[in-house]
Amino acid sequence: TYRVAFDRANLAEVKDKATVYHQAGSDTYGFYTTTEFVIMGSE
């Protein structure tokens, strides 16, 4: 069972477990995640 999510942090920030907040005037993107889906392996 999986879902895929967009992360505001870049790969280095994810590795450092940094929390990345909205920055006024620079971010125009938000949080996104798919709903859960199940992989059966035969797809």
PDB file of all heavy atoms in Angstrom:
ATOM      1  N   THR A   1       0.857  -1.187   0.000  1.00  0.00           N
ATOM      2  CA  THR A   1       0.000   0.000   0.000  1.00  0.00           C
ATOM      3  C   THR A   1       0.892   1.235   0.000  1.00  0.00           C
ATOM      4  O   THR A   1       1.786   1.360   0.841  1.00  0.00           O
ATOM      5  CB  THR A   1      -0.914   0.004   1.243  1.00  0.00           C
ATOM      6  OG1 THR A   1      -1.686  -1.198   1.244  1.00  0.00           O
ATOM      7  CG2 THR A   1      -1.848   1.200   1.235  1.00  0.00           C
ATOM      8  N   TYR A   2       0.627   2.150  -0.938  1.00  0.00           N
ATOM      9  CA  TYR A   2       1.488   3.310  -1.138  1.00  0.00           C
ATOM     10  C   TYR A   2       0.673   4.569  -1.409  1.00  0.00           C
ATOM     11  O   TYR A   2      -0.505   4.504  -1.711  1.00  0.00           O
ATOM     12  CB  TYR A   2       2.420   3.095  -2.343  1.00  0.00           C
ATOM     13  CG  TYR A   2       3.349   1.943  -2.191  1.00  0.00           C
ATOM     14  CD1 TYR A   2       3.015   0.679  -2.684  1.00  0.00           C
ATOM     15  CD2 TYR A   2       4.567   2.098  -1.551  1.00  0.00           C
ATOM     16  CE1 TYR A   2       3.877  -0.393  -2.535  1.00  0.00           C
ATOM     17  CE2 TYR A   2       5.437   1.029  -1.398  1.00  0.00           C
ATOM     18  CZ  TYR A   2       5.082  -0.207  -1.904  1.00  0.00           C
ATOM     19  OH  TYR A   2       5.933  -1.274  -1.754  1.00  0.00           O
ATOM     20  N   ARG A   3       1.358   5.701  -1.356  1.00  0.00           N
ATOM     21  CA  ARG A   3       0.902   6.959  -1.926  1.00  0.00           C
ATOM     22  C   ARG A   3       2.143   7.727  -2.343  1.00  0.00           C
ATOM     23  O   ARG A   3       3.247   7.440  -1.875  1.00  0.00           O
ATOM     24  CB  ARG A   3       0.013   7.754  -0.984  1.00  0.00           C
ATOM     25  CG  ARG A   3       0.628   8.230   0.288  1.00  0.00           C
ATOM     26  CD  ARG A   3      -0.438   8.880   1.211  1.00  0.00           C
ATOM     27  NE  ARG A   3       0.095   9.109   2.518  1.00  0.00           N
ATOM     28  CZ  ARG A   3       0.675  10.238   2.914  1.00  0.00           C
ATOM     29  NH1 ARG A   3       0.779  11.252   2.084  1.00  0.00           N
ATOM     30  NH2 ARG A   3       1.137  10.365   4.134  1.00  0.00           N
ATOM     31  N   VAL A   4       1.978   8.667  -3.248  1.00  0.00           N
ATOM     32  CA  VAL A   4       3.093   9.480  -3.720  1.00  0.00           C
ATOM     33  C   VAL A   4       2.801  10.910  -3.297  1.00  0.00           C
ATOM     34  O   VAL A   4       1.672  11.383  -3.427  1.00  0.00           O
ATOM     35  CB  VAL A   4       3.245   9.386  -5.254  1.00  0.00           C
ATOM     36  CG1 VAL A   4       4.349  10.304  -5.753  1.00  0.00           C
ATOM     37  CG2 VAL A   4       3.514   7.945  -5.673  1.00  0.00           C
ATOM     38  N   ALA A   5       3.814  11.613  -2.775  1.00  0.00           N
ATOM     39  CA  ALA A   5       3.619  12.973  -2.290  1.00  0.00           C
ATOM     40  C   ALA A   5       4.718  13.895  -2.814  1.00  0.00           C
ATOM     41  O   ALA A   5       5.870  13.488  -2.942  1.00  0.00           O
ATOM     42  CB  ALA A   5       3.605  13.011  -0.764  1.00  0.00           C
ATOM     43  N   PHE A   6       4.336  15.130  -3.103  1.00  0.00           N
ATOM     44  CA  PHE A   6       5.276  16.187  -3.445  1.00  0.00           C
ATOM     45  C   PHE A   6       5.813  16.756  -2.144  1.00  0.00           C
ATOM     46  O   PHE A   6       5.085  16.882  -1.165  1.00  0.00           O
ATOM     47  CB  PHE A   6       4.546  17.270  -4.245  1.00  0.00           C
ATOM     48  CG  PHE A   6       5.284  18.578  -4.305  1.00  0.00           C
ATOM     49  CD1 PHE A   6       6.370  18.739  -5.141  1.00  0.00           C
ATOM     50  CD2 PHE A   6       4.891  19.646  -3.520  1.00  0.00           C
ATOM     51  CE1 PHE A   6       7.054  19.940  -5.197  1.00  0.00           C
ATOM     52  CE2 PHE A   6       5.561  20.858  -3.562  1.00  0.00           C
ATOM     53  CZ  PHE A   6       6.652  21.003  -4.408  1.00  0.00           C
ATOM     54  N   ASP A   7       7.091  17.101  -2.113  1.00  0.00           N
ATOM     55  CA  ASP A   7       7.703  17.671  -0.916  1.00  0.00           C
ATOM     56  C   ASP A   7       8.319  19.015  -1.261  1.00  0.00           C
ATOM     57  O   ASP A   7       9.030  19.135  -2.252  1.00  0.00           O
ATOM     58  CB  ASP A   7       8.786  16.723  -0.392  1.00  0.00           C
ATOM     59  CG  ASP A   7       9.180  17.022   1.041  1.00  0.00           C
ATOM     60  OD1 ASP A   7       9.322  18.210   1.383  1.00  0.00           O
ATOM     61  OD2 ASP A   7       9.343  16.075   1.815  1.00  0.00           O
ATOM     62  N   ARG A   8       8.053  20.028  -0.450  1.00  0.00           N
ATOM     63  CA  ARG A   8       8.620  21.363  -0.658  1.00  0.00           C
ATOM     64  C   ARG A   8      10.137  21.357  -0.506  1.00  0.00           C
ATOM     65  O   ARG A   8      10.834  22.163  -1.097  1.00  0.00           O
ATOM     66  CB  ARG A   8       8.038  22.354   0.343  1.00  0.00           C
ATOM     67  CG  ARG A   8       6.560  22.519   0.261  1.00  0.00           C
ATOM     68  CD  ARG A   8       6.045  23.351   1.432  1.00  0.00           C
ATOM     69  NE  ARG A   8       6.233  24.757   1.208  1.00  0.00           N
ATOM     70  CZ  ARG A   8       5.408  25.532   0.525  1.00  0.00           C
ATOM     71  NH1 ARG A   8       4.346  25.005  -0.025  1.00  0.00           N
ATOM     72  NH2 ARG A   8       5.642  26.804   0.390  1.00  0.00           N
ATOM     73  N   ALA A   9      10.656  20.453   0.327  1.00  0.00           N
ATOM     74  CA  ALA A   9      12.098  20.388   0.591  1.00  0.00           C
ATOM     75  C   ALA A   9      12.835  19.782  -0.597  1.00  0.00           C
ATOM     76  O   ALA A   9      12.306  18.917  -1.287  1.00  0.00           O
ATOM     77  CB  ALA A   9      12.344  19.549   1.840  1.00  0.00           C
ATOM     78  N   ASN A  10      14.087  20.218  -0.811  1.00  0.00           N
ATOM     79  CA  ASN A  10      14.903  19.569  -1.822  1.00  0.00           C
ATOM     80  C   ASN A  10      15.519  18.310  -1.207  1.00  0.00           C
ATOM     81  O   ASN A  10      15.358  18.049  -0.013  1.00  0.00           O
ATOM     82  CB  ASN A  10      15.958  20.531  -2.394  1.00  0.00           C
ATOM     83  CG  ASN A  10      16.952  20.998  -1.349  1.00  0.00           C
ATOM     84  OD1 ASN A  10      17.366  20.247  -0.469  1.00  0.00           O
ATOM     85  ND2 ASN A  10      17.340  22.266  -1.438  1.00  0.00           N
ATOM     86  N   LEU A  11      16.249  17.526  -1.999  1.00  0.00           N
ATOM     87  CA  LEU A  11      16.772  16.253  -1.498  1.00  0.00           C
ATOM     88  C   LEU A  11      17.703  16.424  -0.300  1.00  0.00           C
ATOM     89  O   LEU A  11      17.650  15.635   0.643  1.00  0.00           O
ATOM     90  CB  LEU A  11      17.489  15.496  -2.618  1.00  0.00           C
ATOM     91  CG  LEU A  11      16.578  14.929  -3.705  1.00  0.00           C
ATOM     92  CD1 LEU A  11      17.394  14.255  -4.797  1.00  0.00           C
ATOM     93  CD2 LEU A  11      15.568  13.956  -3.138  1.00  0.00           C
ATOM     94  N   ALA A  12      18.547  17.453  -0.302  1.00  0.00           N
ATOM     95  CA  ALA A  12      19.452  17.682   0.830  1.00  0.00           C
ATOM     96  C   ALA A  12      18.664  18.024   2.091  1.00  0.00           C
ATOM     97  O   ALA A  12      18.979  17.548   3.183  1.00  0.00           O
ATOM     98  CB  ALA A  12      20.441  18.802   0.505  1.00  0.00           C
ATOM     99  N   GLU A  13      17.617  18.836   1.947  1.00  0.00           N
ATOM    100  CA  GLU A  13      16.795  19.203   3.106  1.00  0.00           C
ATOM    101  C   GLU A  13      16.024  18.001   3.628  1.00  0.00           C
ATOM    102  O   GLU A  13      15.851  17.842   4.835  1.00  0.00           O
ATOM    103  CB  GLU A  13      15.839  20.338   2.733  1.00  0.00           C
ATOM    104  CG  GLU A  13      16.557  21.643   2.467  1.00  0.00           C
ATOM    105  CD  GLU A  13      15.690  22.682   1.767  1.00  0.00           C
ATOM    106  OE1 GLU A  13      14.759  22.304   1.020  1.00  0.00           O
ATOM    107  OE2 GLU A  13      15.952  23.888   1.971  1.00  0.00           O
ATOM    108  N   VAL A  14      15.573  17.125   2.727  1.00  0.00           N
ATOM    109  CA  VAL A  14      14.883  15.903   3.158  1.00  0.00           C
ATOM    110  C   VAL A  14      15.846  15.035   3.948  1.00  0.00           C
ATOM    111  O   VAL A  14      15.503  14.520   5.011  1.00  0.00           O
ATOM    112  CB  VAL A  14      14.319  15.126   1.939  1.00  0.00           C
ATOM    113  CG1 VAL A  14      13.860  13.738   2.343  1.00  0.00           C
ATOM    114  CG2 VAL A  14      13.188  15.890   1.297  1.00  0.00           C
ATOM    115  N   LYS A  15      17.080  14.882   3.453  1.00  0.00           N
ATOM    116  CA  LYS A  15      18.087  14.076   4.146  1.00  0.00           C
ATOM    117  C   LYS A  15      18.371  14.629   5.536  1.00  0.00           C
ATOM    118  O   LYS A  15      18.524  13.879   6.497  1.00  0.00           O
ATOM    119  CB  LYS A  15      19.370  14.039   3.318  1.00  0.00           C
ATOM    120  CG  LYS A  15      20.436  13.161   3.896  1.00  0.00           C
ATOM    121  CD  LYS A  15      21.673  13.132   3.024  1.00  0.00           C
ATOM    122  CE  LYS A  15      22.734  12.273   3.670  1.00  0.00           C
ATOM    123  NZ  LYS A  15      23.976  12.278   2.902  1.00  0.00           N
ATOM    124  N   ASP A  16      18.404  15.962   5.660  1.00  0.00           N
ATOM    125  CA  ASP A  16      18.653  16.597   6.952  1.00  0.00           C
ATOM    126  C   ASP A  16      17.399  16.717   7.810  1.00  0.00           C
ATOM    127  O   ASP A  16      17.427  17.297   8.887  1.00  0.00           O
ATOM    128  CB  ASP A  16      19.254  17.993   6.753  1.00  0.00           C
ATOM    129  CG  ASP A  16      20.650  17.939   6.171  1.00  0.00           C
ATOM    130  OD1 ASP A  16      21.300  16.875   6.277  1.00  0.00           O
ATOM    131  OD2 ASP A  16      21.083  18.941   5.593  1.00  0.00           O
ATOM    132  N   LYS A  17      16.275  16.218   7.309  1.00  0.00           N
ATOM    133  CA  LYS A  17      14.982  16.271   7.996  1.00  0.00           C
ATOM    134  C   LYS A  17      14.572  17.697   8.324  1.00  0.00           C
ATOM    135  O   LYS A  17      14.003  17.981   9.380  1.00  0.00           O
ATOM    136  CB  LYS A  17      14.992  15.395   9.239  1.00  0.00           C
ATOM    137  CG  LYS A  17      15.222  13.946   8.908  1.00  0.00           C
ATOM    138  CD  LYS A  17      15.117  13.050  10.111  1.00  0.00           C
ATOM    139  CE  LYS A  17      15.375  11.695   9.655  1.00  0.00           C
ATOM    140  NZ  LYS A  17      15.329  10.563   9.929  1.00  0.00           N
ATOM    141  N   ALA A  18      14.885  18.607   7.416  1.00  0.00           N
ATOM    142  CA  ALA A  18      14.532  20.017   7.604  1.00  0.00           C
ATOM    143  C   ALA A  18      13.063  20.238   7.271  1.00  0.00           C
ATOM    144  O   ALA A  18      12.521  19.597   6.373  1.00  0.00           O
ATOM    145  CB  ALA A  18      15.401  20.892   6.700  1.00  0.00           C
ATOM    146  N   THR A  19      12.419  21.120   8.010  1.00  0.00           N
ATOM    147  CA  THR A  19      11.053  21.515   7.701  1.00  0.00           C
ATOM    148  C   THR A  19      11.129  22.766   6.846  1.00  0.00           C
ATOM    149  O   THR A  19      11.799  23.720   7.207  1.00  0.00           O
ATOM    150  CB  THR A  19      10.259  21.812   8.986  1.00  0.00           C
ATOM    151  OG1 THR A  19      10.276  20.635   9.799  1.00  0.00           O
ATOM    152  CG2 THR A  19       8.824  22.196   8.669  1.00  0.00           C
ATOM    153  N   VAL A  20      10.466  22.745   5.698  1.00  0.00           N
ATOM    154  CA  VAL A  20      10.514  23.876   4.781  1.00  0.00           C
ATOM    155  C   VAL A  20       9.144  24.540   4.772  1.00  0.00           C
ATOM    156  O   VAL A  20       8.137  23.915   4.467  1.00  0.00           O
ATOM    157  CB  VAL A  20      10.904  23.418   3.360  1.00  0.00           C
ATOM    158  CG1 VAL A  20      10.917  24.574   2.395  1.00  0.00           C
ATOM    159  CG2 VAL A  20      12.261  22.729   3.402  1.00  0.00           C
ATOM    160  N   TYR A  21       9.121  25.809   5.131  1.00  0.00           N
ATOM    161  CA  TYR A  21       7.873  26.556   5.223  1.00  0.00           C
ATOM    162  C   TYR A  21       7.672  27.425   3.991  1.00  0.00           C
ATOM    163  O   TYR A  21       8.621  27.741   3.275  1.00  0.00           O
ATOM    164  CB  TYR A  21       7.876  27.445   6.477  1.00  0.00           C
ATOM    165  CG  TYR A  21       7.946  26.657   7.756  1.00  0.00           C
ATOM    166  CD1 TYR A  21       9.136  26.533   8.447  1.00  0.00           C
ATOM    167  CD2 TYR A  21       6.818  26.021   8.256  1.00  0.00           C
ATOM    168  CE1 TYR A  21       9.208  25.799   9.617  1.00  0.00           C
ATOM    169  CE2 TYR A  21       6.881  25.285   9.428  1.00  0.00           C
ATOM    170  CZ  TYR A  21       8.077  25.184  10.106  1.00  0.00           C
ATOM    171  OH  TYR A  21       8.142  24.450  11.260  1.00  0.00           O
ATOM    172  N   HIS A  22       6.443  27.854   3.793  1.00  0.00           N
ATOM    173  CA  HIS A  22       6.119  28.798   2.727  1.00  0.00           C
ATOM    174  C   HIS A  22       6.897  30.083   2.958  1.00  0.00           C
ATOM    175  O   HIS A  22       6.991  30.568   4.076  1.00  0.00           O
ATOM    176  CB  HIS A  22       4.613  29.082   2.736  1.00  0.00           C
ATOM    177  CG  HIS A  22       4.203  30.194   1.828  1.00  0.00           C
ATOM    178  ND1 HIS A  22       4.084  30.026   0.479  1.00  0.00           N
ATOM    179  CD2 HIS A  22       3.919  31.483   2.082  1.00  0.00           C
ATOM    180  CE1 HIS A  22       3.715  31.175  -0.071  1.00  0.00           C
ATOM    181  NE2 HIS A  22       3.607  32.066   0.886  1.00  0.00           N
ATOM    182  N   GLN A  23       7.464  30.618   1.890  1.00  0.00           N
ATOM    183  CA  GLN A  23       8.165  31.888   1.978  1.00  0.00           C
ATOM    184  C   GLN A  23       7.400  32.901   1.149  1.00  0.00           C
ATOM    185  O   GLN A  23       7.242  32.724  -0.055  1.00  0.00           O
ATOM    186  CB  GLN A  23       9.600  31.759   1.458  1.00  0.00           C
ATOM    187  CG  GLN A  23      10.433  30.821   2.300  1.00  0.00           C
ATOM    188  CD  GLN A  23      11.831  30.650   1.730  1.00  0.00           C
ATOM    189  OE1 GLN A  23      12.210  31.326   0.791  1.00  0.00           O
ATOM    190  NE2 GLN A  23      12.583  29.739   2.300  1.00  0.00           N
ATOM    191  N   ALA A  24       6.928  33.922   1.805  1.00  0.00           N
ATOM    192  CA  ALA A  24       6.103  34.927   1.138  1.00  0.00           C
ATOM    193  C   ALA A  24       6.809  35.465  -0.096  1.00  0.00           C
ATOM    194  O   ALA A  24       7.976  35.823  -0.054  1.00  0.00           O
ATOM    195  CB  ALA A  24       5.797  36.066   2.108  1.00  0.00           C
ATOM    196  N   GLY A  25       6.076  35.480  -1.188  1.00  0.00           N
ATOM    197  CA  GLY A  25       6.595  36.041  -2.420  1.00  0.00           C
ATOM    198  C   GLY A  25       7.458  35.101  -3.240  1.00  0.00           C
ATOM    199  O   GLY A  25       7.781  35.400  -4.364  1.00  0.00           O
ATOM    200  N   SER A  26       7.848  33.944  -2.698  1.00  0.00           N
ATOM    201  CA  SER A  26       8.699  33.047  -3.481  1.00  0.00           C
ATOM    202  C   SER A  26       8.040  31.715  -3.807  1.00  0.00           C
ATOM    203  O   SER A  26       8.232  31.197  -4.887  1.00  0.00           O
ATOM    204  CB  SER A  26      10.031  32.808  -2.769  1.00  0.00           C
ATOM    205  OG  SER A  26       9.825  32.131  -1.554  1.00  0.00           O
ATOM    206  N   ASP A  27       7.290  31.130  -2.888  1.00  0.00           N
ATOM    207  CA  ASP A  27       6.605  29.862  -3.185  1.00  0.00           C
ATOM    208  C   ASP A  27       5.223  30.170  -3.738  1.00  0.00           C
ATOM    209  O   ASP A  27       4.498  30.941  -3.144  1.00  0.00           O
ATOM    210  CB  ASP A  27       6.317  28.996  -1.955  1.00  0.00           C
ATOM    211  CG  ASP A  27       7.464  28.756  -1.025  1.00  0.00           C
ATOM    212  OD1 ASP A  27       8.216  29.673  -0.814  1.00  0.00           O
ATOM    213  OD2 ASP A  27       7.568  27.654  -0.513  1.00  0.00           O
ATOM    214  N   THR A  28       4.914  29.506  -4.786  1.00  0.00           N
ATOM    215  CA  THR A  28       3.523  29.550  -5.260  1.00  0.00           C
ATOM    216  C   THR A  28       3.049  28.123  -5.445  1.00  0.00           C
ATOM    217  O   THR A  28       2.273  27.829  -6.322  1.00  0.00           O
ATOM    218  CB  THR A  28       3.396  30.335  -6.581  1.00  0.00           C
ATOM    219  OG1 THR A  28       4.282  29.753  -7.537  1.00  0.00           O
ATOM    220  CG2 THR A  28       3.690  31.793  -6.392  1.00  0.00           C
ATOM    221  N   TYR A  29       3.569  27.242  -4.628  1.00  0.00           N
ATOM    222  CA  TYR A  29       3.139  25.850  -4.701  1.00  0.00           C
ATOM    223  C   TYR A  29       2.781  25.352  -3.315  1.00  0.00           C
ATOM    224  O   TYR A  29       3.210  25.903  -2.314  1.00  0.00           O
ATOM    225  CB  TYR A  29       4.208  24.960  -5.344  1.00  0.00           C
ATOM    226  CG  TYR A  29       5.589  25.092  -4.766  1.00  0.00           C
ATOM    227  CD1 TYR A  29       5.981  24.321  -3.679  1.00  0.00           C
ATOM    228  CD2 TYR A  29       6.500  25.972  -5.322  1.00  0.00           C
ATOM    229  CE1 TYR A  29       7.262  24.436  -3.161  1.00  0.00           C
ATOM    230  CE2 TYR A  29       7.777  26.099  -4.814  1.00  0.00           C
ATOM    231  CZ  TYR A  29       8.155  25.321  -3.730  1.00  0.00           C
ATOM    232  OH  TYR A  29       9.411  25.442  -3.225  1.00  0.00           O
ATOM    233  N   GLY A  30       1.969  24.312  -3.289  1.00  0.00           N
ATOM    234  CA  GLY A  30       1.468  23.794  -2.031  1.00  0.00           C
ATOM    235  C   GLY A  30       1.689  22.305  -1.902  1.00  0.00           C
ATOM    236  O   GLY A  30       2.329  21.677  -2.734  1.00  0.00           O
ATOM    237  N   PHE A  31       1.121  21.743  -0.881  1.00  0.00           N
ATOM    238  CA  PHE A  31       1.226  20.322  -0.565  1.00  0.00           C
ATOM    239  C   PHE A  31       0.398  19.507  -1.555  1.00  0.00           C
ATOM    240  O   PHE A  31      -0.650  19.930  -1.982  1.00  0.00           O
ATOM    241  CB  PHE A  31       0.689  20.118   0.849  1.00  0.00           C
ATOM    242  CG  PHE A  31       0.605  18.692   1.261  1.00  0.00           C
ATOM    243  CD1 PHE A  31       1.719  18.033   1.746  1.00  0.00           C
ATOM    244  CD2 PHE A  31      -0.584  18.008   1.170  1.00  0.00           C
ATOM    245  CE1 PHE A  31       1.634  16.713   2.137  1.00  0.00           C
ATOM    246  CE2 PHE A  31      -0.678  16.687   1.560  1.00  0.00           C
ATOM    247  CZ  PHE A  31       0.448  16.041   2.042  1.00  0.00           C
ATOM    248  N   TYR A  32       0.888  18.333  -1.919  1.00  0.00           N
ATOM    249  CA  TYR A  32       0.097  17.435  -2.763  1.00  0.00           C
ATOM    250  C   TYR A  32       0.448  16.000  -2.414  1.00  0.00           C
ATOM    251  O   TYR A  32       1.616  15.656  -2.269  1.00  0.00           O
ATOM    252  CB  TYR A  32       0.399  17.655  -4.257  1.00  0.00           C
ATOM    253  CG  TYR A  32      -0.490  16.822  -5.143  1.00  0.00           C
ATOM    254  CD1 TYR A  32      -1.678  17.338  -5.649  1.00  0.00           C
ATOM    255  CD2 TYR A  32      -0.179  15.502  -5.423  1.00  0.00           C
ATOM    256  CE1 TYR A  32      -2.513  16.567  -6.434  1.00  0.00           C
ATOM    257  CE2 TYR A  32      -1.009  14.717  -6.202  1.00  0.00           C
ATOM    258  CZ  TYR A  32      -2.177  15.256  -6.704  1.00  0.00           C
ATOM    259  OH  TYR A  32      -3.014  14.489  -7.469  1.00  0.00           O
ATOM    260  N   THR A  33      -0.562  15.156  -2.298  1.00  0.00           N
ATOM    261  CA  THR A  33      -0.356  13.720  -2.144  1.00  0.00           C
ATOM    262  C   THR A  33      -1.468  12.985  -2.868  1.00  0.00           C
ATOM    263  O   THR A  33      -2.599  13.466  -2.927  1.00  0.00           O
ATOM    264  CB  THR A  33      -0.304  13.285  -0.666  1.00  0.00           C
ATOM    265  OG1 THR A  33      -0.043  11.865  -0.607  1.00  0.00           O
ATOM    266  CG2 THR A  33      -1.584  13.563   0.071  1.00  0.00           C
ATOM    267  N   THR A  34      -1.126  11.835  -3.424  1.00  0.00           N
ATOM    268  CA  THR A  34      -2.160  11.002  -4.025  1.00  0.00           C
ATOM    269  C   THR A  34      -2.922  10.309  -2.901  1.00  0.00           C
ATOM    270  O   THR A  34      -2.471  10.281  -1.753  1.00  0.00           O
ATOM    271  CB  THR A  34      -1.547   9.914  -4.930  1.00  0.00           C
ATOM    272  OG1 THR A  34      -0.757   9.021  -4.127  1.00  0.00           O
ATOM    273  CG2 THR A  34      -0.704  10.514  -6.046  1.00  0.00           C
ATOM    274  N   THR A  35      -4.045   9.729  -3.228  1.00  0.00           N
ATOM    275  CA  THR A  35      -4.721   8.870  -2.268  1.00  0.00           C
ATOM    276  C   THR A  35      -3.970   7.541  -2.241  1.00  0.00           C
ATOM    277  O   THR A  35      -3.178   7.239  -3.146  1.00  0.00           O
ATOM    278  CB  THR A  35      -6.194   8.643  -2.663  1.00  0.00           C
ATOM    279  OG1 THR A  35      -6.239   8.136  -3.992  1.00  0.00           O
ATOM    280  CG2 THR A  35      -6.996   9.928  -2.576  1.00  0.00           C
ATOM    281  N   GLU A  36      -4.191   6.750  -1.222  1.00  0.00           N
ATOM    282  CA  GLU A  36      -3.523   5.448  -1.126  1.00  0.00           C
ATOM    283  C   GLU A  36      -3.929   4.561  -2.288  1.00  0.00           C
ATOM    284  O   GLU A  36      -5.065   4.610  -2.748  1.00  0.00           O
ATOM    285  CB  GLU A  36      -3.909   4.751   0.178  1.00  0.00           C
ATOM    286  CG  GLU A  36      -3.241   5.315   1.381  1.00  0.00           C
ATOM    287  CD  GLU A  36      -3.569   4.536   2.647  1.00  0.00           C
ATOM    288  OE1 GLU A  36      -4.345   3.561   2.607  1.00  0.00           O
ATOM    289  OE2 GLU A  36      -3.040   4.916   3.699  1.00  0.00           O
ATOM    290  N   PHE A  37      -2.991   3.752  -2.741  1.00  0.00           N
ATOM    291  CA  PHE A  37      -3.283   2.750  -3.763  1.00  0.00           C
ATOM    292  C   PHE A  37      -2.532   1.476  -3.407  1.00  0.00           C
ATOM    293  O   PHE A  37      -1.518   1.511  -2.704  1.00  0.00           O
ATOM    294  CB  PHE A  37      -2.936   3.236  -5.174  1.00  0.00           C
ATOM    295  CG  PHE A  37      -1.524   3.710  -5.354  1.00  0.00           C
ATOM    296  CD1 PHE A  37      -0.520   2.835  -5.746  1.00  0.00           C
ATOM    297  CD2 PHE A  37      -1.199   5.037  -5.134  1.00  0.00           C
ATOM    298  CE1 PHE A  37       0.779   3.273  -5.926  1.00  0.00           C
ATOM    299  CE2 PHE A  37       0.106   5.490  -5.316  1.00  0.00           C
ATOM    300  CZ  PHE A  37       1.089   4.596  -5.708  1.00  0.00           C
ATOM    301  N   VAL A  38      -3.051   0.357  -3.880  1.00  0.00           N
ATOM    302  CA  VAL A  38      -2.464  -0.944  -3.572  1.00  0.00           C
ATOM    303  C   VAL A  38      -1.839  -1.510  -4.840  1.00  0.00           C
ATOM    304  O   VAL A  38      -2.455  -1.473  -5.899  1.00  0.00           O
ATOM    305  CB  VAL A  38      -3.523  -1.917  -3.012  1.00  0.00           C
ATOM    306  CG1 VAL A  38      -2.934  -3.300  -2.780  1.00  0.00           C
ATOM    307  CG2 VAL A  38      -4.125  -1.371  -1.724  1.00  0.00           C
ATOM    308  N   ILE A  39      -0.636  -2.019  -4.695  1.00  0.00           N
ATOM    309  CA  ILE A  39       0.063  -2.678  -5.798  1.00  0.00           C
ATOM    310  C   ILE A  39      -0.007  -4.172  -5.543  1.00  0.00           C
ATOM    311  O   ILE A  39       0.349  -4.636  -4.466  1.00  0.00           O
ATOM    312  CB  ILE A  39       1.533  -2.222  -5.860  1.00  0.00           C
ATOM    313  CG1 ILE A  39       1.600  -0.752  -6.227  1.00  0.00           C
ATOM    314  CG2 ILE A  39       2.319  -3.085  -6.833  1.00  0.00           C
ATOM    315  CD1 ILE A  39       2.991  -0.181  -6.186  1.00  0.00           C
ATOM    316  N   MET A  40      -0.458  -4.893  -6.548  1.00  0.00           N
ATOM    317  CA  MET A  40      -0.568  -6.338  -6.416  1.00  0.00           C
ATOM    318  C   MET A  40       0.630  -7.061  -7.012  1.00  0.00           C
ATOM    319  O   MET A  40       0.816  -8.226  -6.791  1.00  0.00           O
ATOM    320  CB  MET A  40      -1.850  -6.833  -7.097  1.00  0.00           C
ATOM    321  CG  MET A  40      -3.100  -6.200  -6.525  1.00  0.00           C
ATOM    322  SD  MET A  40      -3.264  -6.442  -4.760  1.00  0.00           S
ATOM    323  CE  MET A  40      -4.115  -7.990  -4.750  1.00  0.00           C
ATOM    324  N   GLY A  41       1.457  -6.378  -7.791  1.00  0.00           N
ATOM    325  CA  GLY A  41       2.651  -7.012  -8.336  1.00  0.00           C
ATOM    326  C   GLY A  41       2.485  -7.546  -9.746  1.00  0.00           C
ATOM    327  O   GLY A  41       3.459  -7.791 -10.421  1.00  0.00           O
ATOM    328  N   SER A  42       1.280  -7.722 -10.216  1.00  0.00           N
ATOM    329  CA  SER A  42       1.093  -8.266 -11.552  1.00  0.00           C
ATOM    330  C   SER A  42       0.792  -7.167 -12.569  1.00  0.00           C
ATOM    331  O   SER A  42       0.484  -7.450 -13.713  1.00  0.00           O
ATOM    332  CB  SER A  42      -0.047  -9.287 -11.534  1.00  0.00           C
ATOM    333  OG  SER A  42      -1.234  -8.651 -11.112  1.00  0.00           O
ATOM    334  N   GLU A  43       0.873  -5.916 -12.160  1.00  0.00           N
ATOM    335  CA  GLU A  43       0.497  -4.805 -13.026  1.00  0.00           C
ATOM    336  C   GLU A  43       1.568  -4.427 -14.035  1.00  0.00           C
ATOM    337  O   GLU A  43       1.260  -3.849 -15.059  1.00  0.00           O
ATOM    338  CB  GLU A  43       0.167  -3.572 -12.165  1.00  0.00           C
ATOM    339  CG  GLU A  43      -0.979  -3.800 -11.215  1.00  0.00           C
ATOM    340  CD  GLU A  43      -1.159  -2.629 -10.275  1.00  0.00           C
ATOM    341  OE1 GLU A  43      -1.424  -1.519 -10.766  1.00  0.00           O
ATOM    342  OE2 GLU A  43      -1.038  -2.821  -9.063  1.00  0.00           O
TER     343      GLU A  43
END
